[in-house]
Protein backbone atom coordinates (compact mmCIF):
# COMPACT_ATOMS: atom_id res chain seq x y z
CA MET A 1 67.74 286.61 -74.77
CA PRO A 2 68.37 282.87 -74.42
CA GLY A 3 70.78 281.82 -71.71
CA PRO A 4 72.01 281.36 -69.14
CA TYR A 5 70.40 277.97 -69.23
CA LEU A 6 68.86 276.40 -66.13
CA ILE A 7 67.63 272.91 -65.26
CA SER A 8 64.62 272.60 -62.94
CA ALA A 9 64.32 269.10 -61.47
CA SER A 10 60.69 268.02 -61.13
CA ILE A 11 60.13 265.98 -57.99
CA LEU A 12 56.94 264.50 -59.46
CA SER A 13 59.11 261.59 -60.65
CA SER A 14 61.16 261.30 -57.48
CA ASP A 15 60.99 258.49 -54.91
CA PHE A 16 58.94 260.13 -52.15
CA THR A 17 60.28 257.70 -49.57
CA ARG A 18 63.68 259.35 -50.22
CA LEU A 19 62.58 262.85 -51.24
CA GLY A 20 65.05 264.87 -49.19
CA GLU A 21 67.95 262.66 -50.19
CA GLN A 22 67.03 262.82 -53.87
CA ILE A 23 66.62 266.61 -53.85
CA GLN A 24 70.07 266.94 -52.29
CA GLU A 25 71.56 264.58 -54.85
CA ALA A 26 70.01 266.59 -57.68
CA GLU A 27 71.38 269.79 -56.12
CA HIS A 28 74.87 268.32 -55.83
CA ALA A 29 74.60 267.14 -59.45
CA GLY A 30 74.09 270.74 -60.53
CA VAL A 31 70.38 271.41 -61.02
CA ASP A 32 69.42 275.06 -60.64
CA TRP A 33 65.82 274.88 -59.42
CA ILE A 34 63.54 272.30 -57.80
CA HIS A 35 60.19 272.08 -59.61
CA VAL A 36 57.07 271.24 -57.58
CA ASP A 37 53.81 270.41 -59.37
CA ILE A 38 50.63 271.28 -57.46
CA MET A 39 47.49 269.54 -58.80
CA ASP A 40 43.98 269.82 -57.44
CA GLY A 41 42.11 267.00 -59.19
CA HIS A 42 39.79 269.56 -60.84
CA PHE A 43 41.82 271.63 -63.29
CA VAL A 44 43.90 268.53 -64.01
CA PRO A 45 42.88 264.88 -63.53
CA ASN A 46 45.30 264.16 -60.71
CA LEU A 47 46.05 265.11 -57.11
CA SER A 48 49.57 265.84 -56.00
CA MET A 49 51.32 267.99 -53.41
CA GLY A 50 50.40 270.74 -51.01
CA PRO A 51 52.27 273.38 -49.00
CA VAL A 52 53.65 270.77 -46.61
CA ILE A 53 55.76 269.29 -49.43
CA VAL A 54 57.06 272.72 -50.42
CA GLU A 55 57.96 273.32 -46.78
CA ALA A 56 59.78 269.97 -46.65
CA CYS A 57 61.70 270.84 -49.81
CA ARG A 58 62.71 274.17 -48.33
CA ARG A 59 64.15 272.42 -45.28
CA VAL A 60 66.56 270.34 -47.37
CA THR A 61 67.68 272.86 -50.01
CA GLN A 62 68.28 276.54 -50.56
CA LEU A 63 67.75 276.21 -54.32
CA PRO A 64 64.85 278.20 -55.77
CA LEU A 65 61.57 276.28 -55.47
CA ASP A 66 59.74 276.48 -58.78
CA VAL A 67 56.08 275.92 -57.85
CA HIS A 68 53.65 275.23 -60.71
CA MET A 69 50.03 275.75 -59.64
CA MET A 70 47.78 273.45 -61.70
CA VAL A 71 44.72 274.43 -59.69
CA GLU A 72 41.46 276.30 -59.99
CA SER A 73 41.28 279.63 -58.13
CA PRO A 74 45.02 279.68 -57.34
CA GLU A 75 44.81 283.05 -55.64
CA ILE A 76 43.20 281.32 -52.63
CA LEU A 77 46.22 279.07 -52.16
CA LEU A 78 49.08 281.41 -53.05
CA PRO A 79 49.74 282.75 -49.53
CA ALA A 80 50.14 279.25 -48.09
CA PHE A 81 52.68 278.27 -50.73
CA ALA A 82 54.59 281.53 -50.37
CA GLN A 83 54.76 281.02 -46.60
CA ALA A 84 55.95 277.44 -47.16
CA GLY A 85 58.99 278.71 -49.03
CA ALA A 86 58.14 278.94 -52.73
CA THR A 87 60.45 281.10 -54.81
CA ASN A 88 58.47 281.11 -58.06
CA LEU A 89 54.68 280.83 -58.12
CA THR A 90 53.43 280.07 -61.61
CA VAL A 91 49.72 280.13 -62.46
CA HIS A 92 47.73 279.11 -65.51
CA VAL A 93 46.19 281.75 -67.74
CA GLU A 94 43.31 279.29 -68.16
CA THR A 95 42.40 279.50 -64.44
CA CYS A 96 42.97 283.22 -63.80
CA PRO A 97 40.24 285.51 -65.15
CA HIS A 98 41.94 288.42 -63.35
CA LEU A 99 45.51 287.55 -64.33
CA HIS A 100 46.99 290.98 -63.66
CA ARG A 101 45.64 290.90 -60.11
CA THR A 102 46.95 287.38 -59.54
CA VAL A 103 50.43 288.35 -60.73
CA GLN A 104 50.29 291.39 -58.44
CA ILE A 105 49.36 289.17 -55.48
CA ILE A 106 52.33 286.88 -56.16
CA HIS A 107 54.71 289.83 -56.21
CA GLU A 108 53.20 291.23 -53.01
CA LEU A 109 53.87 287.85 -51.37
CA GLY A 110 57.55 288.27 -52.21
CA CYS A 111 57.72 285.61 -54.92
CA LYS A 112 58.63 285.62 -58.58
CA ALA A 113 55.48 285.53 -60.73
CA GLY A 114 55.06 283.14 -63.63
CA VAL A 115 52.28 282.37 -66.10
CA VAL A 116 51.64 279.04 -67.81
CA LEU A 117 50.07 277.99 -71.10
CA ASN A 118 48.60 274.56 -71.82
CA PRO A 119 49.63 273.07 -75.17
CA SER A 120 46.42 274.12 -76.90
CA THR A 121 46.33 277.67 -75.47
CA PRO A 122 47.53 280.35 -77.92
CA ALA A 123 50.47 282.56 -77.06
CA ASN A 124 48.61 285.79 -77.79
CA LEU A 125 46.59 285.45 -74.57
CA LEU A 126 49.73 286.40 -72.68
CA GLU A 127 50.57 289.57 -74.61
CA PRO A 128 49.06 292.00 -72.04
CA ILE A 129 50.88 290.39 -69.10
CA LEU A 130 54.32 289.71 -70.59
CA PRO A 131 55.92 292.96 -69.39
CA LEU A 132 54.93 292.18 -65.78
CA VAL A 133 56.02 288.58 -65.25
CA ASP A 134 59.30 286.99 -64.23
CA LEU A 135 58.64 283.68 -65.95
CA VAL A 136 56.63 282.18 -68.80
CA LEU A 137 56.12 278.41 -68.74
CA VAL A 138 54.98 276.53 -71.83
CA LEU A 139 53.66 273.03 -71.24
CA SER A 140 54.83 270.57 -73.86
CA VAL A 141 52.43 267.88 -72.60
CA ASN A 142 48.86 268.08 -71.37
CA PRO A 143 49.09 268.69 -67.61
CA GLY A 144 48.41 266.10 -64.95
CA TYR A 145 50.92 263.28 -65.20
CA ALA A 146 54.67 262.73 -65.42
CA GLY A 147 56.20 260.60 -68.14
CA GLN A 148 54.24 261.90 -71.14
CA THR A 149 55.63 262.39 -74.63
CA PHE A 150 56.78 265.82 -75.76
CA LEU A 151 54.37 267.56 -78.17
CA PRO A 152 56.48 269.16 -80.93
CA GLU A 153 53.57 271.33 -82.06
CA VAL A 154 54.33 273.67 -79.12
CA LEU A 155 57.69 274.69 -80.65
CA PRO A 156 56.30 277.50 -82.86
CA LYS A 157 54.52 278.93 -79.79
CA ILE A 158 57.79 278.87 -77.86
CA SER A 159 59.56 280.71 -80.67
CA THR A 160 56.80 283.33 -80.73
CA LEU A 161 57.05 283.89 -77.00
CA ARG A 162 60.83 284.14 -77.22
CA ARG A 163 60.54 286.97 -79.74
CA GLU A 164 57.87 288.74 -77.71
CA LEU A 165 59.78 288.47 -74.45
CA ASP A 166 62.96 289.73 -76.10
CA ALA A 167 60.99 292.79 -77.21
CA VAL A 168 59.15 293.68 -73.99
CA ASN A 169 60.73 291.77 -71.07
CA PRO A 170 64.09 290.24 -72.01
CA HIS A 171 64.99 289.34 -68.42
CA ALA A 172 62.01 287.01 -67.96
CA TRP A 173 62.68 283.28 -68.05
CA LEU A 174 61.10 281.13 -70.77
CA GLU A 175 60.54 277.65 -69.36
CA VAL A 176 59.30 274.38 -70.86
CA ASP A 177 57.87 271.38 -69.01
CA GLY A 178 56.87 267.99 -70.34
CA GLY A 179 58.76 265.15 -71.97
CA ILE A 180 62.15 266.84 -71.72
CA ASN A 181 64.96 264.40 -72.40
CA LEU A 182 68.14 264.12 -74.47
CA GLN A 183 66.16 264.18 -77.71
CA THR A 184 63.69 266.95 -76.95
CA LEU A 185 65.80 269.39 -74.93
CA PRO A 186 67.74 270.55 -78.03
CA LEU A 187 64.46 271.25 -79.85
CA ALA A 188 63.23 273.46 -77.00
CA ARG A 189 66.65 275.09 -76.61
CA ASP A 190 66.79 276.03 -80.28
CA ALA A 191 63.25 277.48 -80.06
CA GLY A 192 64.41 279.87 -77.34
CA VAL A 193 63.83 278.16 -73.98
CA ASN A 194 66.27 278.86 -71.18
CA VAL A 195 64.75 276.86 -68.29
CA PHE A 196 64.14 273.13 -68.77
CA VAL A 197 61.96 271.14 -66.39
CA ALA A 198 62.99 267.48 -66.32
CA ALA A 199 61.39 264.70 -64.29
CA HIS A 200 61.94 261.15 -65.62
CA ALA A 201 65.17 262.15 -67.33
CA ILE A 202 66.63 262.96 -63.90
CA PHE A 203 64.91 260.90 -61.24
CA ASN A 204 64.38 257.75 -63.32
CA HIS A 205 67.68 257.75 -65.21
CA HIS A 206 69.06 254.21 -65.39
CA HIS A 207 72.48 255.38 -64.14
CA GLY A 208 71.08 257.59 -61.39
CA ILE A 209 70.24 261.22 -60.74
CA THR A 210 73.73 262.61 -61.21
CA ALA A 211 74.15 260.96 -64.61
CA GLY A 212 70.75 262.23 -65.70
CA VAL A 213 71.58 265.81 -64.79
CA GLN A 214 75.03 265.65 -66.37
CA GLN A 215 73.67 264.32 -69.66
CA LEU A 216 71.09 267.10 -69.87
CA ARG A 217 73.67 269.73 -68.92
CA SER A 218 75.98 268.53 -71.68
CA LEU A 219 73.41 269.73 -74.23
CA LEU A 220 73.43 273.32 -72.91
CA PRO A 221 76.01 275.96 -73.81
CA GLY A 222 78.14 277.22 -70.96
């Protein structure tokens, strides 16, 4: 069930000295979600943002906050991010040995529950949980850093997940994150994605945030 199509602007590539201003510009340009990458320096080789940044984002926008938890033992941190204003809390299958319980915790916190796959993680690991989630996120780069190149080998996995979601949970979003730009968005779109996370293509566009959003939007039906 592809579409409607959404753009989630990843603040990992934003200018943090102007974060509120840039989020508002992205919102006015027509993005649908604000994507916040949480990294712990253990599961991924980088440190990024905590609940205080999510809370700051919530103060400047009412758009859904799409929070991607690249952390070990995410269940410990979920309540803090929910309280800070997260809309979606998305956890990695690779870090959740009790994935059903973690998804249940997210729902009990009042958030939408998502699950994430690294590029090398097979789609079949998600089969038991697909009927219960609101969102499936496929990483098209190895997690940890913005500005990486899209890995086309994830496209068959995306197509598989699209078919499986259509069969068991057609209202769940299928999201892609990593290297999304004017060349790669159509590939992901045609594979069945309906939420596109973009970082550099929005916040580092040479004509500014609005132009970056408009160019991406021009590639999406409707």
